[in-house]
Structure formats: C-alpha cells, structure tokens
Amino acid sequence: GEVAPVNTDLVSNYKDVFDGLKLKQWNSVDQVA
C-alpha cells in the first residue's frame, strides 16, 4: 500500500513506451498499471 495505481492517461508519453514493458507482473496487478 505504499504506491498508488497510475493514471496513464495523465502521462502523455506513456503511449510511446514499448509494449513489451507495459502491464507486466512487476509493474501492474489485474491489468491496472
């Protein structure tokens, strides 16, 4: 509970992140970034 989910819609550069790094087990839970 030390970090909050991230609203990726508020991070405009997120769309250009390699898909291979998005929503992985070490940075997401149940498809929530």
All heavy atoms as atom14 arrays in JSON, in Angstrom:
{
  "sequence": "GEVAPVNTDLVSNYKDVFDGLKLKQWNSVDQVA",
  "atom14_mask": [
    [1, 1, 1, 1, 0, 0, 0, 0, 0, 0, 0, 0, 0, 0],
    [1, 1, 1, 1, 1, 1, 1, 1, 1, 0, 0, 0, 0, 0],
    [1, 1, 1, 1, 1, 1, 1, 0, 0, 0, 0, 0, 0, 0],
    [1, 1, 1, 1, 1, 0, 0, 0, 0, 0, 0, 0, 0, 0],
    [1, 1, 1, 1, 1, 1, 1, 0, 0, 0, 0, 0, 0, 0],
    [1, 1, 1, 1, 1, 1, 1, 0, 0, 0, 0, 0, 0, 0],
    [1, 1, 1, 1, 1, 1, 1, 1, 0, 0, 0, 0, 0, 0],
    [1, 1, 1, 1, 1, 1, 1, 0, 0, 0, 0, 0, 0, 0],
    [1, 1, 1, 1, 1, 1, 1, 1, 0, 0, 0, 0, 0, 0],
    [1, 1, 1, 1, 1, 1, 1, 1, 0, 0, 0, 0, 0, 0],
    [1, 1, 1, 1, 1, 1, 1, 0, 0, 0, 0, 0, 0, 0],
    [1, 1, 1, 1, 1, 1, 0, 0, 0, 0, 0, 0, 0, 0],
    [1, 1, 1, 1, 1, 1, 1, 1, 0, 0, 0, 0, 0, 0],
    [1, 1, 1, 1, 1, 1, 1, 1, 1, 1, 1, 1, 0, 0],
    [1, 1, 1, 1, 1, 1, 1, 1, 1, 0, 0, 0, 0, 0],
    [1, 1, 1, 1, 1, 1, 1, 1, 0, 0, 0, 0, 0, 0],
    [1, 1, 1, 1, 1, 1, 1, 0, 0, 0, 0, 0, 0, 0],
    [1, 1, 1, 1, 1, 1, 1, 1, 1, 1, 1, 0, 0, 0],
    [1, 1, 1, 1, 1, 1, 1, 1, 0, 0, 0, 0, 0, 0],
    [1, 1, 1, 1, 0, 0, 0, 0, 0, 0, 0, 0, 0, 0],
    [1, 1, 1, 1, 1, 1, 1, 1, 0, 0, 0, 0, 0, 0],
    [1, 1, 1, 1, 1, 1, 1, 1, 1, 0, 0, 0, 0, 0],
    [1, 1, 1, 1, 1, 1, 1, 1, 0, 0, 0, 0, 0, 0],
    [1, 1, 1, 1, 1, 1, 1, 1, 1, 0, 0, 0, 0, 0],
    [1, 1, 1, 1, 1, 1, 1, 1, 1, 0, 0, 0, 0, 0],
    [1, 1, 1, 1, 1, 1, 1, 1, 1, 1, 1, 1, 1, 1],
    [1, 1, 1, 1, 1, 1, 1, 1, 0, 0, 0, 0, 0, 0],
    [1, 1, 1, 1, 1, 1, 0, 0, 0, 0, 0, 0, 0, 0],
    [1, 1, 1, 1, 1, 1, 1, 0, 0, 0, 0, 0, 0, 0],
    [1, 1, 1, 1, 1, 1, 1, 1, 0, 0, 0, 0, 0, 0],
    [1, 1, 1, 1, 1, 1, 1, 1, 1, 0, 0, 0, 0, 0],
    [1, 1, 1, 1, 1, 1, 1, 0, 0, 0, 0, 0, 0, 0],
    [1, 1, 1, 1, 1, 0, 0, 0, 0, 0, 0, 0, 0, 0]
  ],
  "atom14_positions": [
    [[0.79, -1.22, 0.0], [0.0, 0.0, 0.0], [0.83, 1.27, 0.0], [0.32, 2.35, 0.31], [0.0, 0.0, 0.0], [0.0, 0.0, 0.0], [0.0, 0.0, 0.0], [0.0, 0.0, 0.0], [0.0, 0.0, 0.0], [0.0, 0.0, 0.0], [0.0, 0.0, 0.0], [0.0, 0.0, 0.0], [0.0, 0.0, 0.0], [0.0, 0.0, 0.0]],
    [[2.09, 1.15, -0.38], [2.98, 2.31, -0.37], [2.9, 3.13, -1.65], [3.27, 4.31, -1.66], [4.43, 1.87, -0.15], [4.65, 1.06, 1.12], [4.26, 1.8, 2.39], [4.26, 3.05, 2.38], [3.96, 1.13, 3.39], [0.0, 0.0, 0.0], [0.0, 0.0, 0.0], [0.0, 0.0, 0.0], [0.0, 0.0, 0.0], [0.0, 0.0, 0.0]],
    [[2.44, 2.52, -2.74], [2.31, 3.24, -4.0], [0.89, 3.11, -4.53], [0.17, 2.16, -4.21], [3.32, 2.72, -5.06], [4.74, 3.02, -4.63], [3.12, 1.23, -5.31], [0.0, 0.0, 0.0], [0.0, 0.0, 0.0], [0.0, 0.0, 0.0], [0.0, 0.0, 0.0], [0.0, 0.0, 0.0], [0.0, 0.0, 0.0], [0.0, 0.0, 0.0]],
    [[0.5, 4.08, -5.34], [-0.86, 4.13, -5.88], [-0.88, 3.68, -7.34], [0.14, 3.76, -8.03], [-1.41, 5.56, -5.78], [0.0, 0.0, 0.0], [0.0, 0.0, 0.0], [0.0, 0.0, 0.0], [0.0, 0.0, 0.0], [0.0, 0.0, 0.0], [0.0, 0.0, 0.0], [0.0, 0.0, 0.0], [0.0, 0.0, 0.0], [0.0, 0.0, 0.0]],
    [[-2.02, 3.22, -7.81], [-2.14, 2.96, -9.24], [-1.84, 4.25, -10.01], [-2.08, 5.35, -9.5], [-3.6, 2.54, -9.42], [-4.05, 2.12, -8.06], [-3.28, 2.96, -7.09], [0.0, 0.0, 0.0], [0.0, 0.0, 0.0], [0.0, 0.0, 0.0], [0.0, 0.0, 0.0], [0.0, 0.0, 0.0], [0.0, 0.0, 0.0], [0.0, 0.0, 0.0]],
    [[-1.34, 4.11, -11.23], [-1.01, 5.27, -12.04], [-2.07, 5.45, -13.12], [-2.43, 4.51, -13.82], [0.38, 5.11, -12.7], [0.62, 6.21, -13.72], [1.46, 5.12, -11.64], [0.0, 0.0, 0.0], [0.0, 0.0, 0.0], [0.0, 0.0, 0.0], [0.0, 0.0, 0.0], [0.0, 0.0, 0.0], [0.0, 0.0, 0.0], [0.0, 0.0, 0.0]],
    [[-2.56, 6.67, -13.23], [-3.49, 7.01, -14.31], [-2.65, 7.32, -15.54], [-2.16, 8.43, -15.71], [-4.34, 8.21, -13.92], [-5.43, 8.51, -14.94], [-5.36, 8.06, -16.09], [-6.43, 9.27, -14.54], [0.0, 0.0, 0.0], [0.0, 0.0, 0.0], [0.0, 0.0, 0.0], [0.0, 0.0, 0.0], [0.0, 0.0, 0.0], [0.0, 0.0, 0.0]],
    [[-2.47, 6.33, -16.4], [-1.59, 6.51, -17.55], [-2.14, 7.52, -18.55], [-1.38, 8.04, -19.38], [-1.35, 5.17, -18.26], [-2.59, 4.58, -18.64], [-0.61, 4.2, -17.33], [0.0, 0.0, 0.0], [0.0, 0.0, 0.0], [0.0, 0.0, 0.0], [0.0, 0.0, 0.0], [0.0, 0.0, 0.0], [0.0, 0.0, 0.0], [0.0, 0.0, 0.0]],
    [[-3.43, 7.84, -18.46], [-4.0, 8.87, -19.33], [-3.4, 10.25, -19.03], [-3.46, 11.16, -19.87], [-5.52, 8.94, -19.18], [-6.21, 7.71, -19.76], [-5.6, 7.02, -20.59], [-7.37, 7.45, -19.36], [0.0, 0.0, 0.0], [0.0, 0.0, 0.0], [0.0, 0.0, 0.0], [0.0, 0.0, 0.0], [0.0, 0.0, 0.0], [0.0, 0.0, 0.0]],
    [[-2.84, 10.39, -17.83], [-2.24, 11.66, -17.42], [-0.75, 11.73, -17.75], [-0.09, 12.71, -17.45], [-2.45, 11.88, -15.92], [-3.9, 11.84, -15.42], [-3.95, 12.1, -13.92], [-4.76, 12.85, -16.17], [0.0, 0.0, 0.0], [0.0, 0.0, 0.0], [0.0, 0.0, 0.0], [0.0, 0.0, 0.0], [0.0, 0.0, 0.0], [0.0, 0.0, 0.0]],
    [[-0.24, 10.66, -18.34], [1.18, 10.59, -18.71], [1.24, 10.46, -20.22], [1.19, 9.36, -20.78], [1.87, 9.39, -18.02], [3.36, 9.36, -18.36], [1.68, 9.46, -16.51], [0.0, 0.0, 0.0], [0.0, 0.0, 0.0], [0.0, 0.0, 0.0], [0.0, 0.0, 0.0], [0.0, 0.0, 0.0], [0.0, 0.0, 0.0], [0.0, 0.0, 0.0]],
    [[1.32, 11.58, -20.9], [1.17, 11.59, -22.35], [2.22, 10.75, -23.07], [1.95, 10.19, -24.14], [1.2, 13.03, -22.88], [2.44, 13.66, -22.57], [0.0, 0.0, 0.0], [0.0, 0.0, 0.0], [0.0, 0.0, 0.0], [0.0, 0.0, 0.0], [0.0, 0.0, 0.0], [0.0, 0.0, 0.0], [0.0, 0.0, 0.0], [0.0, 0.0, 0.0]],
    [[3.4, 10.63, -22.51], [4.46, 9.87, -23.17], [4.31, 8.35, -22.99], [5.03, 7.59, -23.63], [5.83, 10.31, -22.66], [6.22, 11.69, -23.17], [6.17, 11.96, -24.36], [6.58, 12.58, -22.25], [0.0, 0.0, 0.0], [0.0, 0.0, 0.0], [0.0, 0.0, 0.0], [0.0, 0.0, 0.0], [0.0, 0.0, 0.0], [0.0, 0.0, 0.0]],
    [[3.37, 7.94, -22.15], [3.18, 6.51, -21.9], [2.81, 5.76, -23.18], [3.19, 4.6, -23.37], [2.11, 6.3, -20.84], [1.89, 4.85, -20.45], [2.79, 4.2, -19.61], [0.78, 4.14, -20.91], [2.59, 2.87, -19.24], [0.58, 2.82, -20.54], [1.48, 2.19, -19.7], [1.28, 0.88, -19.35], [0.0, 0.0, 0.0], [0.0, 0.0, 0.0]],
    [[2.09, 6.42, -24.07], [1.64, 5.77, -25.3], [2.81, 5.3, -26.16], [2.66, 4.39, -26.99], [0.76, 6.72, -26.11], [1.47, 7.94, -26.69], [0.52, 8.84, -27.44], [1.26, 10.01, -28.1], [2.01, 10.83, -27.13], [0.0, 0.0, 0.0], [0.0, 0.0, 0.0], [0.0, 0.0, 0.0], [0.0, 0.0, 0.0], [0.0, 0.0, 0.0]],
    [[3.98, 5.91, -25.97], [5.14, 5.58, -26.79], [6.1, 4.6, -26.12], [7.15, 4.29, -26.65], [5.9, 6.86, -27.15], [5.06, 7.8, -28.01], [4.4, 7.31, -28.93], [5.07, 9.02, -27.73], [0.0, 0.0, 0.0], [0.0, 0.0, 0.0], [0.0, 0.0, 0.0], [0.0, 0.0, 0.0], [0.0, 0.0, 0.0], [0.0, 0.0, 0.0]],
    [[5.71, 4.09, -24.94], [6.52, 3.09, -24.26], [6.38, 1.76, -25.0], [5.29, 1.39, -25.46], [6.06, 2.94, -22.79], [6.71, 1.71, -22.14], [6.41, 4.2, -22.0], [0.0, 0.0, 0.0], [0.0, 0.0, 0.0], [0.0, 0.0, 0.0], [0.0, 0.0, 0.0], [0.0, 0.0, 0.0], [0.0, 0.0, 0.0], [0.0, 0.0, 0.0]],
    [[7.48, 1.03, -25.11], [7.45, -0.27, -25.76], [6.38, -1.15, -25.1], [6.31, -1.23, -23.87], [8.81, -0.97, -25.65], [9.86, -0.39, -26.54], [10.9, 0.36, -26.01], [9.83, -0.6, -27.91], [11.9, 0.89, -26.83], [10.81, -0.08, -28.74], [11.85, 0.68, -28.2], [0.0, 0.0, 0.0], [0.0, 0.0, 0.0], [0.0, 0.0, 0.0]],
    [[5.58, -1.81, -25.91], [4.53, -2.68, -25.38], [5.1, -3.79, -24.5], [4.44, -4.25, -23.57], [3.73, -3.31, -26.52], [2.84, -2.29, -27.24], [2.55, -1.23, -26.63], [2.45, -2.55, -28.39], [0.0, 0.0, 0.0], [0.0, 0.0, 0.0], [0.0, 0.0, 0.0], [0.0, 0.0, 0.0], [0.0, 0.0, 0.0], [0.0, 0.0, 0.0]],
    [[6.33, -4.19, -24.79], [6.96, -5.25, -24.01], [7.24, -4.87, -22.57], [7.62, -5.73, -21.77], [0.0, 0.0, 0.0], [0.0, 0.0, 0.0], [0.0, 0.0, 0.0], [0.0, 0.0, 0.0], [0.0, 0.0, 0.0], [0.0, 0.0, 0.0], [0.0, 0.0, 0.0], [0.0, 0.0, 0.0], [0.0, 0.0, 0.0], [0.0, 0.0, 0.0]],
    [[7.05, -3.6, -22.22], [7.26, -3.15, -20.85], [5.98, -2.76, -20.14], [5.99, -2.49, -18.93], [8.21, -1.93, -20.85], [9.69, -2.25, -21.08], [10.46, -0.95, -21.34], [10.27, -2.99, -19.91], [0.0, 0.0, 0.0], [0.0, 0.0, 0.0], [0.0, 0.0, 0.0], [0.0, 0.0, 0.0], [0.0, 0.0, 0.0], [0.0, 0.0, 0.0]],
    [[4.87, -2.75, -20.85], [3.6, -2.32, -20.25], [2.85, -3.47, -19.6], [2.82, -4.58, -20.13], [2.71, -1.68, -21.32], [3.21, -0.36, -21.86], [2.25, 0.19, -22.92], [2.67, 1.54, -23.44], [1.77, 2.05, -24.49], [0.0, 0.0, 0.0], [0.0, 0.0, 0.0], [0.0, 0.0, 0.0], [0.0, 0.0, 0.0], [0.0, 0.0, 0.0]],
    [[2.23, -3.17, -18.45], [1.34, -4.1, -17.77], [1.97, -5.47, -17.57], [1.39, -6.5, -17.87], [0.01, -4.23, -18.53], [-0.83, -2.94, -18.62], [-2.07, -3.18, -19.45], [-1.2, -2.43, -17.22], [0.0, 0.0, 0.0], [0.0, 0.0, 0.0], [0.0, 0.0, 0.0], [0.0, 0.0, 0.0], [0.0, 0.0, 0.0], [0.0, 0.0, 0.0]],
    [[3.19, -5.45, -17.02], [3.88, -6.69, -16.68], [3.68, -7.01, -15.2], [3.22, -6.18, -14.43], [5.36, -6.57, -17.03], [5.6, -6.37, -18.53], [4.98, -7.49, -19.34], [5.18, -7.29, -20.83], [4.54, -8.36, -21.63], [0.0, 0.0, 0.0], [0.0, 0.0, 0.0], [0.0, 0.0, 0.0], [0.0, 0.0, 0.0], [0.0, 0.0, 0.0]],
    [[4.07, -8.22, -14.82], [3.77, -8.66, -13.47], [4.46, -7.83, -12.4], [4.0, -7.74, -11.28], [4.13, -10.14, -13.31], [3.57, -10.76, -12.03], [3.9, -12.22, -11.9], [4.64, -12.78, -12.7], [3.37, -12.86, -10.88], [0.0, 0.0, 0.0], [0.0, 0.0, 0.0], [0.0, 0.0, 0.0], [0.0, 0.0, 0.0], [0.0, 0.0, 0.0]],
    [[5.6, -7.21, -12.76], [6.33, -6.42, -11.78], [5.87, -4.96, -11.72], [6.32, -4.22, -10.86], [7.83, -6.48, -12.05], [8.25, -5.92, -13.37], [8.56, -4.61, -13.65], [8.38, -6.63, -14.6], [8.87, -4.47, -14.98], [8.78, -5.69, -15.59], [8.2, -7.96, -14.97], [9.01, -6.05, -16.91], [8.44, -8.32, -16.29], [8.83, -7.38, -17.24]],
    [[4.96, -4.53, -12.62], [4.51, -3.13, -12.56], [3.0, -2.98, -12.71], [2.51, -1.88, -12.96], [5.22, -2.27, -13.61], [5.01, -2.76, -15.05], [3.99, -3.37, -15.37], [5.97, -2.48, -15.91], [0.0, 0.0, 0.0], [0.0, 0.0, 0.0], [0.0, 0.0, 0.0], [0.0, 0.0, 0.0], [0.0, 0.0, 0.0], [0.0, 0.0, 0.0]],
    [[2.26, -4.08, -12.51], [0.81, -4.0, -12.62], [0.17, -5.13, -11.83], [0.83, -6.12, -11.49], [0.36, -4.09, -14.08], [0.61, -5.4, -14.59], [0.0, 0.0, 0.0], [0.0, 0.0, 0.0], [0.0, 0.0, 0.0], [0.0, 0.0, 0.0], [0.0, 0.0, 0.0], [0.0, 0.0, 0.0], [0.0, 0.0, 0.0], [0.0, 0.0, 0.0]],
    [[-1.11, -4.98, -11.56], [-1.91, -6.03, -10.92], [-3.29, -6.02, -11.57], [-3.93, -4.96, -11.65], [-2.05, -5.82, -9.4], [-2.96, -6.89, -8.79], [-0.68, -5.86, -8.72], [0.0, 0.0, 0.0], [0.0, 0.0, 0.0], [0.0, 0.0, 0.0], [0.0, 0.0, 0.0], [0.0, 0.0, 0.0], [0.0, 0.0, 0.0], [0.0, 0.0, 0.0]],
    [[-3.74, -7.15, -12.05], [-5.06, -7.26, -12.68], [-5.26, -6.2, -13.76], [-6.3, -5.54, -13.82], [-6.16, -7.16, -11.63], [-6.2, -8.39, -10.73], [-5.76, -9.46, -11.16], [-6.66, -8.26, -9.58], [0.0, 0.0, 0.0], [0.0, 0.0, 0.0], [0.0, 0.0, 0.0], [0.0, 0.0, 0.0], [0.0, 0.0, 0.0], [0.0, 0.0, 0.0]],
    [[-4.24, -6.03, -14.6], [-4.28, -5.1, -15.72], [-4.38, -3.62, -15.3], [-4.74, -2.76, -16.1], [-5.43, -5.44, -16.67], [-5.3, -6.79, -17.35], [-4.1, -6.83, -18.29], [-4.06, -6.12, -19.28], [-3.12, -7.67, -17.98], [0.0, 0.0, 0.0], [0.0, 0.0, 0.0], [0.0, 0.0, 0.0], [0.0, 0.0, 0.0], [0.0, 0.0, 0.0]],
    [[-4.06, -3.34, -14.06], [-4.0, -1.96, -13.57], [-2.54, -1.57, -13.43], [-1.77, -2.23, -12.72], [-4.72, -1.81, -12.21], [-4.52, -0.4, -11.66], [-6.19, -2.15, -12.36], [0.0, 0.0, 0.0], [0.0, 0.0, 0.0], [0.0, 0.0, 0.0], [0.0, 0.0, 0.0], [0.0, 0.0, 0.0], [0.0, 0.0, 0.0], [0.0, 0.0, 0.0]],
    [[-2.14, -0.51, -14.12], [-0.75, -0.05, -14.07], [-0.43, 0.59, -12.73], [-1.2, 1.42, -12.23], [-0.48, 0.94, -15.19], [0.0, 0.0, 0.0], [0.0, 0.0, 0.0], [0.0, 0.0, 0.0], [0.0, 0.0, 0.0], [0.0, 0.0, 0.0], [0.0, 0.0, 0.0], [0.0, 0.0, 0.0], [0.0, 0.0, 0.0], [0.0, 0.0, 0.0]]
  ]
}
